[in-house]
Amino acid sequence: MDKKLKAVRLGHWAESISCWLLRLKGYRIIVRNLRTPVGEVDIIAKRANTLCFIEVKARKTHFSALHAVSLHQQKRIVRAAKSFLSRNQRYCGHQIRFDLIAIAPKHWPKHIQNAWTEL
């Protein structure tokens, strides 16, 4: 199997695991794999009055996953979030948060709330 296909499958698997984790924690999944002209968001989830834009990273270690979101990626995710909110006015009154879920083999996923703020 070629490397690119393996990476896509790993990413899809990690996002599925992340969605289950979020559901168990009381979140409702709003959108998966949001693609906009200005950026992408892996998962958008809601709990109470908080709307979370979540990046999922699967790596060999939690440490590498936790450090895999570059400043450039953060900016693209923030732009995608703004694009989503401009088209979905019903969420504009919600608190907004940017989270990261780090996935590593043989470990529980780590959900980092407020992994970064709007830049």
PDB file of N, CA and C in Angstrom:
ATOM      1  N   MET A   1       0.854  -1.178   0.000  1.00  0.00           N
ATOM      2  CA  MET A   1       0.000   0.000   0.000  1.00  0.00           C
ATOM      3  C   MET A   1       0.896   1.235   0.000  1.00  0.00           C
ATOM      4  N   ASP A   2       0.543   2.212  -0.800  1.00  0.00           N
ATOM      5  CA  ASP A   2       1.412   3.382  -0.879  1.00  0.00           C
ATOM      6  C   ASP A   2       1.260   4.261   0.372  1.00  0.00           C
ATOM      7  N   LYS A   3       2.305   5.058   0.636  1.00  0.00           N
ATOM      8  CA  LYS A   3       2.399   5.855   1.868  1.00  0.00           C
ATOM      9  C   LYS A   3       1.244   6.842   2.028  1.00  0.00           C
ATOM     10  N   LYS A   4       0.880   7.493   0.931  1.00  0.00           N
ATOM     11  CA  LYS A   4      -0.183   8.512   0.982  1.00  0.00           C
ATOM     12  C   LYS A   4      -1.516   7.877   1.393  1.00  0.00           C
ATOM     13  N   LEU A   5      -1.843   6.745   0.805  1.00  0.00           N
ATOM     14  CA  LEU A   5      -3.086   6.054   1.133  1.00  0.00           C
ATOM     15  C   LEU A   5      -3.085   5.600   2.589  1.00  0.00           C
ATOM     16  N   LYS A   6      -1.948   5.117   3.062  1.00  0.00           N
ATOM     17  CA  LYS A   6      -1.813   4.701   4.464  1.00  0.00           C
ATOM     18  C   LYS A   6      -2.066   5.881   5.404  1.00  0.00           C
ATOM     19  N   ALA A   7      -1.501   7.033   5.060  1.00  0.00           N
ATOM     20  CA  ALA A   7      -1.669   8.234   5.883  1.00  0.00           C
ATOM     21  C   ALA A   7      -3.135   8.673   5.904  1.00  0.00           C
ATOM     22  N   VAL A   8      -3.803   8.609   4.769  1.00  0.00           N
ATOM     23  CA  VAL A   8      -5.219   8.982   4.692  1.00  0.00           C
ATOM     24  C   VAL A   8      -6.052   8.048   5.563  1.00  0.00           C
ATOM     25  N   ARG A   9      -5.778   6.751   5.472  1.00  0.00           N
ATOM     26  CA  ARG A   9      -6.514   5.781   6.288  1.00  0.00           C
ATOM     27  C   ARG A   9      -6.262   5.983   7.775  1.00  0.00           C
ATOM     28  N   LEU A  10      -5.003   6.249   8.137  1.00  0.00           N
ATOM     29  CA  LEU A  10      -4.669   6.505   9.539  1.00  0.00           C
ATOM     30  C   LEU A  10      -5.406   7.742  10.040  1.00  0.00           C
ATOM     31  N   GLY A  11      -5.418   8.790   9.228  1.00  0.00           N
ATOM     32  CA  GLY A  11      -6.105  10.022   9.603  1.00  0.00           C
ATOM     33  C   GLY A  11      -7.597   9.806   9.792  1.00  0.00           C
ATOM     34  N   HIS A  12      -8.215   9.064   8.887  1.00  0.00           N
ATOM     35  CA  HIS A  12      -9.647   8.785   8.991  1.00  0.00           C
ATOM     36  C   HIS A  12      -9.944   7.973  10.253  1.00  0.00           C
ATOM     37  N   TRP A  13      -9.105   6.985  10.524  1.00  0.00           N
ATOM     38  CA  TRP A  13      -9.261   6.158  11.724  1.00  0.00           C
ATOM     39  C   TRP A  13      -9.128   7.024  12.983  1.00  0.00           C
ATOM     40  N   ALA A  14      -8.114   7.890  13.009  1.00  0.00           N
ATOM     41  CA  ALA A  14      -7.880   8.755  14.176  1.00  0.00           C
ATOM     42  C   ALA A  14      -9.062   9.702  14.396  1.00  0.00           C
ATOM     43  N   GLU A  15      -9.629  10.232  13.320  1.00  0.00           N
ATOM     44  CA  GLU A  15     -10.789  11.109  13.449  1.00  0.00           C
ATOM     45  C   GLU A  15     -12.003  10.343  13.979  1.00  0.00           C
ATOM     46  N   SER A  16     -12.173   9.102  13.543  1.00  0.00           N
ATOM     47  CA  SER A  16     -13.285   8.281  14.040  1.00  0.00           C
ATOM     48  C   SER A  16     -13.137   8.015  15.531  1.00  0.00           C
ATOM     49  N   ILE A  17     -11.932   7.661  15.960  1.00  0.00           N
ATOM     50  CA  ILE A  17     -11.664   7.446  17.387  1.00  0.00           C
ATOM     51  C   ILE A  17     -11.944   8.738  18.165  1.00  0.00           C
ATOM     52  N   SER A  18     -11.503   9.853  17.616  1.00  0.00           N
ATOM     53  CA  SER A  18     -11.702  11.150  18.271  1.00  0.00           C
ATOM     54  C   SER A  18     -13.180  11.481  18.420  1.00  0.00           C
ATOM     55  N   CYS A  19     -13.969  11.183  17.399  1.00  0.00           N
ATOM     56  CA  CYS A  19     -15.411  11.443  17.476  1.00  0.00           C
ATOM     57  C   CYS A  19     -16.050  10.616  18.586  1.00  0.00           C
ATOM     58  N   TRP A  20     -15.647   9.355  18.699  1.00  0.00           N
ATOM     59  CA  TRP A  20     -16.184   8.523  19.783  1.00  0.00           C
ATOM     60  C   TRP A  20     -15.783   9.071  21.149  1.00  0.00           C
ATOM     61  N   LEU A  21     -14.534   9.482  21.277  1.00  0.00           N
ATOM     62  CA  LEU A  21     -14.076  10.067  22.538  1.00  0.00           C
ATOM     63  C   LEU A  21     -14.913  11.295  22.890  1.00  0.00           C
ATOM     64  N   LEU A  22     -15.113  12.160  21.917  1.00  0.00           N
ATOM     65  CA  LEU A  22     -15.877  13.381  22.154  1.00  0.00           C
ATOM     66  C   LEU A  22     -17.325  13.065  22.542  1.00  0.00           C
ATOM     67  N   ARG A  23     -17.931  12.102  21.866  1.00  0.00           N
ATOM     68  CA  ARG A  23     -19.304  11.721  22.204  1.00  0.00           C
ATOM     69  C   ARG A  23     -19.387  11.204  23.637  1.00  0.00           C
ATOM     70  N   LEU A  24     -18.406  10.392  24.022  1.00  0.00           N
ATOM     71  CA  LEU A  24     -18.384   9.873  25.397  1.00  0.00           C
ATOM     72  C   LEU A  24     -18.250  10.993  26.430  1.00  0.00           C
ATOM     73  N   LYS A  25     -17.617  12.095  26.024  1.00  0.00           N
ATOM     74  CA  LYS A  25     -17.434  13.234  26.920  1.00  0.00           C
ATOM     75  C   LYS A  25     -18.613  14.208  26.860  1.00  0.00           C
ATOM     76  N   GLY A  26     -19.640  13.863  26.083  1.00  0.00           N
ATOM     77  CA  GLY A  26     -20.843  14.696  26.041  1.00  0.00           C
ATOM     78  C   GLY A  26     -20.907  15.714  24.919  1.00  0.00           C
ATOM     79  N   TYR A  27     -20.020  15.621  23.944  1.00  0.00           N
ATOM     80  CA  TYR A  27     -20.040  16.537  22.806  1.00  0.00           C
ATOM     81  C   TYR A  27     -20.966  15.990  21.715  1.00  0.00           C
ATOM     82  N   ARG A  28     -21.519  16.908  20.944  1.00  0.00           N
ATOM     83  CA  ARG A  28     -22.288  16.526  19.764  1.00  0.00           C
ATOM     84  C   ARG A  28     -21.453  16.913  18.544  1.00  0.00           C
ATOM     85  N   ILE A  29     -21.232  15.970  17.652  1.00  0.00           N
ATOM     86  CA  ILE A  29     -20.442  16.236  16.442  1.00  0.00           C
ATOM     87  C   ILE A  29     -21.328  17.006  15.465  1.00  0.00           C
ATOM     88  N   ILE A  30     -20.849  18.166  15.036  1.00  0.00           N
ATOM     89  CA  ILE A  30     -21.592  19.006  14.092  1.00  0.00           C
ATOM     90  C   ILE A  30     -21.132  18.717  12.669  1.00  0.00           C
ATOM     91  N   VAL A  31     -19.818  18.715  12.456  1.00  0.00           N
ATOM     92  CA  VAL A  31     -19.245  18.502  11.118  1.00  0.00           C
ATOM     93  C   VAL A  31     -17.934  17.747  11.248  1.00  0.00           C
ATOM     94  N   ARG A  32     -17.696  16.866  10.300  1.00  0.00           N
ATOM     95  CA  ARG A  32     -16.379  16.216  10.168  1.00  0.00           C
ATOM     96  C   ARG A  32     -15.782  16.627   8.835  1.00  0.00           C
ATOM     97  N   ASN A  33     -14.482  16.840   8.824  1.00  0.00           N
ATOM     98  CA  ASN A  33     -13.756  17.169   7.590  1.00  0.00           C
ATOM     99  C   ASN A  33     -14.327  18.368   6.845  1.00  0.00           C
ATOM    100  N   LEU A  34     -14.458  19.479   7.556  1.00  0.00           N
ATOM    101  CA  LEU A  34     -14.910  20.706   6.913  1.00  0.00           C
ATOM    102  C   LEU A  34     -13.803  21.224   6.001  1.00  0.00           C
ATOM    103  N   ARG A  35     -14.143  21.445   4.764  1.00  0.00           N
ATOM    104  CA  ARG A  35     -13.188  21.987   3.797  1.00  0.00           C
ATOM    105  C   ARG A  35     -13.734  23.314   3.283  1.00  0.00           C
ATOM    106  N   THR A  36     -12.925  24.354   3.399  1.00  0.00           N
ATOM    107  CA  THR A  36     -13.295  25.670   2.873  1.00  0.00           C
ATOM    108  C   THR A  36     -12.138  26.145   2.000  1.00  0.00           C
ATOM    109  N   PRO A  37     -12.360  27.169   1.206  1.00  0.00           N
ATOM    110  CA  PRO A  37     -11.247  27.700   0.393  1.00  0.00           C
ATOM    111  C   PRO A  37     -10.096  28.248   1.234  1.00  0.00           C
ATOM    112  N   VAL A  38     -10.373  28.602   2.507  1.00  0.00           N
ATOM    113  CA  VAL A  38      -9.338  29.219   3.346  1.00  0.00           C
ATOM    114  C   VAL A  38      -8.706  28.275   4.361  1.00  0.00           C
ATOM    115  N   GLY A  39      -9.230  27.061   4.498  1.00  0.00           N
ATOM    116  CA  GLY A  39      -8.652  26.121   5.452  1.00  0.00           C
ATOM    117  C   GLY A  39      -9.561  24.935   5.705  1.00  0.00           C
ATOM    118  N   GLU A  40      -9.100  24.049   6.574  1.00  0.00           N
ATOM    119  CA  GLU A  40      -9.827  22.826   6.880  1.00  0.00           C
ATOM    120  C   GLU A  40      -9.911  22.648   8.399  1.00  0.00           C
ATOM    121  N   VAL A  41     -10.978  21.966   8.821  1.00  0.00           N
ATOM    122  CA  VAL A  41     -11.136  21.603  10.234  1.00  0.00           C
ATOM    123  C   VAL A  41     -11.513  20.133  10.265  1.00  0.00           C
ATOM    124  N   ASP A  42     -10.816  19.346  11.094  1.00  0.00           N
ATOM    125  CA  ASP A  42     -11.104  17.914  11.182  1.00  0.00           C
ATOM    126  C   ASP A  42     -12.475  17.641  11.776  1.00  0.00           C
ATOM    127  N   ILE A  43     -12.768  18.266  12.925  1.00  0.00           N
ATOM    128  CA  ILE A  43     -14.030  18.023  13.614  1.00  0.00           C
ATOM    129  C   ILE A  43     -14.529  19.342  14.210  1.00  0.00           C
ATOM    130  N   ILE A  44     -15.828  19.583  14.063  1.00  0.00           N
ATOM    131  CA  ILE A  44     -16.479  20.665  14.792  1.00  0.00           C
ATOM    132  C   ILE A  44     -17.474  19.983  15.713  1.00  0.00           C
ATOM    133  N   ALA A  45     -17.364  20.279  17.013  1.00  0.00           N
ATOM    134  CA  ALA A  45     -18.227  19.639  18.002  1.00  0.00           C
ATOM    135  C   ALA A  45     -18.760  20.697  18.966  1.00  0.00           C
ATOM    136  N   LYS A  46     -19.908  20.387  19.558  1.00  0.00           N
ATOM    137  CA  LYS A  46     -20.565  21.327  20.459  1.00  0.00           C
ATOM    138  C   LYS A  46     -20.888  20.634  21.774  1.00  0.00           C
ATOM    139  N   ARG A  47     -20.656  21.354  22.861  1.00  0.00           N
ATOM    140  CA  ARG A  47     -21.096  20.901  24.186  1.00  0.00           C
ATOM    141  C   ARG A  47     -21.539  22.133  24.943  1.00  0.00           C
ATOM    142  N   ALA A  48     -22.790  22.104  25.409  1.00  0.00           N
ATOM    143  CA  ALA A  48     -23.404  23.249  26.081  1.00  0.00           C
ATOM    144  C   ALA A  48     -23.326  24.459  25.149  1.00  0.00           C
ATOM    145  N   ASN A  49     -22.721  25.552  25.600  1.00  0.00           N
ATOM    146  CA  ASN A  49     -22.656  26.770  24.791  1.00  0.00           C
ATOM    147  C   ASN A  49     -21.270  26.967  24.171  1.00  0.00           C
ATOM    148  N   THR A  50     -20.521  25.871  24.025  1.00  0.00           N
ATOM    149  CA  THR A  50     -19.167  25.961  23.473  1.00  0.00           C
ATOM    150  C   THR A  50     -19.086  25.198  22.151  1.00  0.00           C
ATOM    151  N   LEU A  51     -18.578  25.876  21.146  1.00  0.00           N
ATOM    152  CA  LEU A  51     -18.348  25.265  19.840  1.00  0.00           C
ATOM    153  C   LEU A  51     -16.847  25.071  19.685  1.00  0.00           C
ATOM    154  N   CYS A  52     -16.444  23.821  19.462  1.00  0.00           N
ATOM    155  CA  CYS A  52     -15.019  23.485  19.400  1.00  0.00           C
ATOM    156  C   CYS A  52     -14.611  23.135  17.978  1.00  0.00           C
ATOM    157  N   PHE A  53     -13.519  23.720  17.554  1.00  0.00           N
ATOM    158  CA  PHE A  53     -12.892  23.396  16.274  1.00  0.00           C
ATOM    159  C   PHE A  53     -11.675  22.554  16.624  1.00  0.00           C
ATOM    160  N   ILE A  54     -11.698  21.296  16.190  1.00  0.00           N
ATOM    161  CA  ILE A  54     -10.736  20.322  16.702  1.00  0.00           C
ATOM    162  C   ILE A  54      -9.848  19.783  15.585  1.00  0.00           C
ATOM    163  N   GLU A  55      -8.549  19.837  15.830  1.00  0.00           N
ATOM    164  CA  GLU A  55      -7.555  19.248  14.934  1.00  0.00           C
ATOM    165  C   GLU A  55      -7.141  17.913  15.537  1.00  0.00           C
ATOM    166  N   VAL A  56      -7.089  16.883  14.709  1.00  0.00           N
ATOM    167  CA  VAL A  56      -6.691  15.547  15.152  1.00  0.00           C
ATOM    168  C   VAL A  56      -5.332  15.228  14.540  1.00  0.00           C
ATOM    169  N   LYS A  57      -4.400  14.797  15.379  1.00  0.00           N
ATOM    170  CA  LYS A  57      -3.067  14.413  14.898  1.00  0.00           C
ATOM    171  C   LYS A  57      -2.742  13.018  15.395  1.00  0.00           C
ATOM    172  N   ALA A  58      -2.411  12.129  14.478  1.00  0.00           N
ATOM    173  CA  ALA A  58      -1.982  10.764  14.819  1.00  0.00           C
ATOM    174  C   ALA A  58      -0.498  10.652  14.479  1.00  0.00           C
ATOM    175  N   ARG A  59       0.289  10.323  15.479  1.00  0.00           N
ATOM    176  CA  ARG A  59       1.731  10.190  15.304  1.00  0.00           C
ATOM    177  C   ARG A  59       2.212   8.986  16.109  1.00  0.00           C
ATOM    178  N   LYS A  60       3.507   8.686  16.018  1.00  0.00           N
ATOM    179  CA  LYS A  60       4.070   7.539  16.744  1.00  0.00           C
ATOM    180  C   LYS A  60       4.077   7.757  18.246  1.00  0.00           C
ATOM    181  N   THR A  61       4.172   9.032  18.676  1.00  0.00           N
ATOM    182  CA  THR A  61       4.151   9.347  20.113  1.00  0.00           C
ATOM    183  C   THR A  61       3.199  10.513  20.352  1.00  0.00           C
ATOM    184  N   HIS A  62       2.694  10.592  21.584  1.00  0.00           N
ATOM    185  CA  HIS A  62       1.854  11.736  21.932  1.00  0.00           C
ATOM    186  C   HIS A  62       2.647  13.028  21.812  1.00  0.00           C
ATOM    187  N   PHE A  63       3.904  13.000  22.212  1.00  0.00           N
ATOM    188  CA  PHE A  63       4.738  14.197  22.149  1.00  0.00           C
ATOM    189  C   PHE A  63       4.784  14.752  20.722  1.00  0.00           C
ATOM    190  N   SER A  64       5.042  13.885  19.752  1.00  0.00           N
ATOM    191  CA  SER A  64       5.122  14.376  18.368  1.00  0.00           C
ATOM    192  C   SER A  64       3.755  14.830  17.862  1.00  0.00           C
ATOM    193  N   ALA A  65       2.683  14.171  18.294  1.00  0.00           N
ATOM    194  CA  ALA A  65       1.337  14.590  17.888  1.00  0.00           C
ATOM    195  C   ALA A  65       0.986  15.949  18.486  1.00  0.00           C
ATOM    196  N   LEU A  66       1.366  16.153  19.743  1.00  0.00           N
ATOM    197  CA  LEU A  66       1.055  17.410  20.416  1.00  0.00           C
ATOM    198  C   LEU A  66       1.792  18.597  19.805  1.00  0.00           C
ATOM    199  N   HIS A  67       2.901  18.335  19.153  1.00  0.00           N
ATOM    200  CA  HIS A  67       3.704  19.406  18.556  1.00  0.00           C
ATOM    201  C   HIS A  67       3.601  19.442  17.034  1.00  0.00           C
ATOM    202  N   ALA A  68       2.579  18.792  16.490  1.00  0.00           N
ATOM    203  CA  ALA A  68       2.469  18.675  15.032  1.00  0.00           C
ATOM    204  C   ALA A  68       1.630  19.773  14.387  1.00  0.00           C
ATOM    205  N   VAL A  69       1.006  20.627  15.161  1.00  0.00           N
ATOM    206  CA  VAL A  69       0.184  21.694  14.582  1.00  0.00           C
ATOM    207  C   VAL A  69       1.026  22.963  14.506  1.00  0.00           C
ATOM    208  N   SER A  70       1.402  23.324  13.303  1.00  0.00           N
ATOM    209  CA  SER A  70       2.239  24.513  13.112  1.00  0.00           C
ATOM    210  C   SER A  70       1.413  25.788  13.256  1.00  0.00           C
ATOM    211  N   LEU A  71       2.093  26.898  13.410  1.00  0.00           N
ATOM    212  CA  LEU A  71       1.437  28.196  13.481  1.00  0.00           C
ATOM    213  C   LEU A  71       0.631  28.446  12.208  1.00  0.00           C
ATOM    214  N   HIS A  72       1.182  28.063  11.068  1.00  0.00           N
ATOM    215  CA  HIS A  72       0.493  28.213   9.783  1.00  0.00           C
ATOM    216  C   HIS A  72      -0.812  27.416   9.783  1.00  0.00           C
ATOM    217  N   GLN A  73      -0.777  26.175  10.279  1.00  0.00           N
ATOM    218  CA  GLN A  73      -1.993  25.350  10.355  1.00  0.00           C
ATOM    219  C   GLN A  73      -3.013  25.972  11.297  1.00  0.00           C
ATOM    220  N   GLN A  74      -2.550  26.482  12.421  1.00  0.00           N
ATOM    221  CA  GLN A  74      -3.458  27.124  13.370  1.00  0.00           C
ATOM    222  C   GLN A  74      -4.196  28.275  12.698  1.00  0.00           C
ATOM    223  N   LYS A  75      -3.475  29.092  11.943  1.00  0.00           N
ATOM    224  CA  LYS A  75      -4.090  30.234  11.255  1.00  0.00           C
ATOM    225  C   LYS A  75      -5.122  29.761  10.234  1.00  0.00           C
ATOM    226  N   ARG A  76      -4.809  28.698   9.501  1.00  0.00           N
ATOM    227  CA  ARG A  76      -5.754  28.161   8.512  1.00  0.00           C
ATOM    228  C   ARG A  76      -7.014  27.625   9.192  1.00  0.00           C
ATOM    229  N   ILE A  77      -6.856  26.979  10.330  1.00  0.00           N
ATOM    230  CA  ILE A  77      -8.009  26.452  11.065  1.00  0.00           C
ATOM    231  C   ILE A  77      -8.874  27.608  11.584  1.00  0.00           C
ATOM    232  N   VAL A  78      -8.243  28.655  12.084  1.00  0.00           N
ATOM    233  CA  VAL A  78      -8.981  29.838  12.558  1.00  0.00           C
ATOM    234  C   VAL A  78      -9.751  30.463  11.394  1.00  0.00           C
ATOM    235  N   ARG A  79      -9.118  30.585  10.229  1.00  0.00           N
ATOM    236  CA  ARG A  79      -9.808  31.139   9.057  1.00  0.00           C
ATOM    237  C   ARG A  79     -10.991  30.263   8.645  1.00  0.00           C
ATOM    238  N   ALA A  80     -10.792  28.952   8.684  1.00  0.00           N
ATOM    239  CA  ALA A  80     -11.880  28.026   8.346  1.00  0.00           C
ATOM    240  C   ALA A  80     -13.021  28.155   9.356  1.00  0.00           C
ATOM    241  N   ALA A  81     -12.675  28.329  10.631  1.00  0.00           N
ATOM    242  CA  ALA A  81     -13.692  28.500  11.676  1.00  0.00           C
ATOM    243  C   ALA A  81     -14.510  29.771  11.416  1.00  0.00           C
ATOM    244  N   LYS A  82     -13.841  30.851  11.075  1.00  0.00           N
ATOM    245  CA  LYS A  82     -14.541  32.103  10.774  1.00  0.00           C
ATOM    246  C   LYS A  82     -15.454  31.939   9.564  1.00  0.00           C
ATOM    247  N   SER A  83     -14.968  31.215   8.569  1.00  0.00           N
ATOM    248  CA  SER A  83     -15.774  30.944   7.376  1.00  0.00           C
ATOM    249  C   SER A  83     -17.024  30.143   7.744  1.00  0.00           C
ATOM    250  N   PHE A  84     -16.851  29.120   8.577  1.00  0.00           N
ATOM    251  CA  PHE A  84     -17.980  28.302   9.029  1.00  0.00           C
ATOM    252  C   PHE A  84     -18.992  29.159   9.785  1.00  0.00           C
ATOM    253  N   LEU A  85     -18.509  29.991  10.709  1.00  0.00           N
ATOM    254  CA  LEU A  85     -19.400  30.824  11.514  1.00  0.00           C
ATOM    255  C   LEU A  85     -20.146  31.850  10.663  1.00  0.00           C
ATOM    256  N   SER A  86     -19.499  32.355   9.624  1.00  0.00           N
ATOM    257  CA  SER A  86     -20.167  33.337   8.760  1.00  0.00           C
ATOM    258  C   SER A  86     -21.321  32.700   7.987  1.00  0.00           C
ATOM    259  N   ARG A  87     -21.249  31.392   7.755  1.00  0.00           N
ATOM    260  CA  ARG A  87     -22.313  30.677   7.033  1.00  0.00           C
ATOM    261  C   ARG A  87     -23.296  29.971   7.959  1.00  0.00           C
ATOM    262  N   ASN A  88     -23.006  29.961   9.271  1.00  0.00           N
ATOM    263  CA  ASN A  88     -23.862  29.284  10.247  1.00  0.00           C
ATOM    264  C   ASN A  88     -24.105  30.209  11.431  1.00  0.00           C
ATOM    265  N   GLN A  89     -24.942  31.196  11.196  1.00  0.00           N
ATOM    266  CA  GLN A  89     -25.185  32.255  12.181  1.00  0.00           C
ATOM    267  C   GLN A  89     -25.705  31.733  13.519  1.00  0.00           C
ATOM    268  N   ARG A  90     -26.359  30.577  13.528  1.00  0.00           N
ATOM    269  CA  ARG A  90     -26.943  30.068  14.784  1.00  0.00           C
ATOM    270  C   ARG A  90     -25.884  29.778  15.843  1.00  0.00           C
ATOM    271  N   TYR A  91     -24.609  29.643  15.424  1.00  0.00           N
ATOM    272  CA  TYR A  91     -23.540  29.358  16.384  1.00  0.00           C
ATOM    273  C   TYR A  91     -22.779  30.602  16.826  1.00  0.00           C
ATOM    274  N   CYS A  92     -23.153  31.755  16.315  1.00  0.00           N
ATOM    275  CA  CYS A  92     -22.381  32.973  16.606  1.00  0.00           C
ATOM    276  C   CYS A  92     -22.439  33.390  18.069  1.00  0.00           C
ATOM    277  N   GLY A  93     -23.442  32.977  18.818  1.00  0.00           N
ATOM    278  CA  GLY A  93     -23.530  33.310  20.229  1.00  0.00           C
ATOM    279  C   GLY A  93     -22.754  32.355  21.126  1.00  0.00           C
ATOM    280  N   HIS A  94     -22.174  31.320  20.547  1.00  0.00           N
ATOM    281  CA  HIS A  94     -21.452  30.312  21.321  1.00  0.00           C
ATOM    282  C   HIS A  94     -20.020  30.770  21.634  1.00  0.00           C
ATOM    283  N   GLN A  95     -19.484  30.234  22.715  1.00  0.00           N
ATOM    284  CA  GLN A  95     -18.060  30.430  22.967  1.00  0.00           C
ATOM    285  C   GLN A  95     -17.310  29.551  21.961  1.00  0.00           C
ATOM    286  N   ILE A  96     -16.176  30.027  21.502  1.00  0.00           N
ATOM    287  CA  ILE A  96     -15.391  29.315  20.499  1.00  0.00           C
ATOM    288  C   ILE A  96     -14.099  28.829  21.142  1.00  0.00           C
ATOM    289  N   ARG A  97     -13.735  27.596  20.804  1.00  0.00           N
ATOM    290  CA  ARG A  97     -12.508  27.022  21.361  1.00  0.00           C
ATOM    291  C   ARG A  97     -11.812  26.215  20.273  1.00  0.00           C
ATOM    292  N   PHE A  98     -10.478  26.224  20.325  1.00  0.00           N
ATOM    293  CA  PHE A  98      -9.658  25.443  19.394  1.00  0.00           C
ATOM    294  C   PHE A  98      -8.952  24.357  20.190  1.00  0.00           C
ATOM    295  N   ASP A  99      -9.273  23.111  19.876  1.00  0.00           N
ATOM    296  CA  ASP A  99      -8.747  21.955  20.604  1.00  0.00           C
ATOM    297  C   ASP A  99      -7.869  21.097  19.712  1.00  0.00           C
ATOM    298  N   LEU A 100      -7.117  20.227  20.358  1.00  0.00           N
ATOM    299  CA  LEU A 100      -6.275  19.253  19.665  1.00  0.00           C
ATOM    300  C   LEU A 100      -6.508  17.891  20.301  1.00  0.00           C
ATOM    301  N   ILE A 101      -6.644  16.878  19.468  1.00  0.00           N
ATOM    302  CA  ILE A 101      -6.674  15.509  19.976  1.00  0.00           C
ATOM    303  C   ILE A 101      -5.456  14.798  19.402  1.00  0.00           C
ATOM    304  N   ALA A 102      -4.608  14.319  20.302  1.00  0.00           N
ATOM    305  CA  ALA A 102      -3.382  13.613  19.927  1.00  0.00           C
ATOM    306  C   ALA A 102      -3.612  12.112  20.079  1.00  0.00           C
ATOM    307  N   ILE A 103      -3.291  11.378  19.022  1.00  0.00           N
ATOM    308  CA  ILE A 103      -3.473   9.926  19.004  1.00  0.00           C
ATOM    309  C   ILE A 103      -2.111   9.276  18.787  1.00  0.00           C
ATOM    310  N   ALA A 104      -1.801   8.302  19.638  1.00  0.00           N
ATOM    311  CA  ALA A 104      -0.559   7.535  19.501  1.00  0.00           C
ATOM    312  C   ALA A 104      -0.884   6.062  19.772  1.00  0.00           C
ATOM    313  N   PRO A 105      -0.175   5.153  19.106  1.00  0.00           N
ATOM    314  CA  PRO A 105      -0.442   3.722  19.300  1.00  0.00           C
ATOM    315  C   PRO A 105      -0.295   3.311  20.762  1.00  0.00           C
ATOM    316  N   LYS A 106      -1.198   2.434  21.191  1.00  0.00           N
ATOM    317  CA  LYS A 106      -1.172   1.837  22.535  1.00  0.00           C
ATOM    318  C   LYS A 106      -1.334   2.839  23.667  1.00  0.00           C
ATOM    319  N   HIS A 107      -1.935   3.999  23.375  1.00  0.00           N
ATOM    320  CA  HIS A 107      -2.210   5.017  24.393  1.00  0.00           C
ATOM    321  C   HIS A 107      -3.623   5.553  24.193  1.00  0.00           C
ATOM    322  N   TRP A 108      -4.214   6.026  25.281  1.00  0.00           N
ATOM    323  CA  TRP A 108      -5.495   6.687  25.164  1.00  0.00           C
ATOM    324  C   TRP A 108      -5.291   8.007  24.426  1.00  0.00           C
ATOM    325  N   PRO A 109      -6.262   8.428  23.645  1.00  0.00           N
ATOM    326  CA  PRO A 109      -6.159   9.742  22.992  1.00  0.00           C
ATOM    327  C   PRO A 109      -6.098  10.849  24.042  1.00  0.00           C
ATOM    328  N   LYS A 110      -5.353  11.904  23.737  1.00  0.00           N
ATOM    329  CA  LYS A 110      -5.275  13.063  24.635  1.00  0.00           C
ATOM    330  C   LYS A 110      -6.043  14.217  24.009  1.00  0.00           C
ATOM    331  N   HIS A 111      -7.015  14.713  24.749  1.00  0.00           N
ATOM    332  CA  HIS A 111      -7.821  15.849  24.289  1.00  0.00           C
ATOM    333  C   HIS A 111      -7.323  17.097  24.998  1.00  0.00           C
ATOM    334  N   ILE A 112      -6.710  17.989  24.261  1.00  0.00           N
ATOM    335  CA  ILE A 112      -6.182  19.239  24.806  1.00  0.00           C
ATOM    336  C   ILE A 112      -7.161  20.357  24.474  1.00  0.00           C
ATOM    337  N   GLN A 113      -7.850  20.845  25.494  1.00  0.00           N
ATOM    338  CA  GLN A 113      -8.780  21.947  25.291  1.00  0.00           C
ATOM    339  C   GLN A 113      -7.998  23.261  25.251  1.00  0.00           C
ATOM    340  N   ASN A 114      -8.484  24.189  24.430  1.00  0.00           N
ATOM    341  CA  ASN A 114      -7.797  25.486  24.255  1.00  0.00           C
ATOM    342  C   ASN A 114      -6.333  25.287  23.880  1.00  0.00           C
ATOM    343  N   ALA A 115      -6.090  24.428  22.920  1.00  0.00           N
ATOM    344  CA  ALA A 115      -4.715  24.142  22.490  1.00  0.00           C
ATOM    345  C   ALA A 115      -4.050  25.417  21.924  1.00  0.00           C
ATOM    346  N   TRP A 116      -4.849  26.294  21.364  1.00  0.00           N
ATOM    347  CA  TRP A 116      -4.366  27.602  20.927  1.00  0.00           C
ATOM    348  C   TRP A 116      -5.566  28.536  20.900  1.00  0.00           C
ATOM    349  N   THR A 117      -5.284  29.829  20.811  1.00  0.00           N
ATOM    350  CA  THR A 117      -6.347  30.812  20.740  1.00  0.00           C
ATOM    351  C   THR A 117      -6.313  31.465  19.362  1.00  0.00           C
ATOM    352  N   GLU A 118      -7.358  32.197  19.086  1.00  0.00           N
ATOM    353  CA  GLU A 118      -7.416  32.891  17.803  1.00  0.00           C
ATOM    354  C   GLU A 118      -6.221  33.825  17.701  1.00  0.00           C
ATOM    355  N   LEU A 119      -5.558  33.770  16.563  1.00  0.00           N
ATOM    356  CA  LEU A 119      -4.314  34.515  16.401  1.00  0.00           C
ATOM    357  C   LEU A 119      -4.535  35.909  15.866  1.00  0.00           C
TER     358      LEU A 119
END
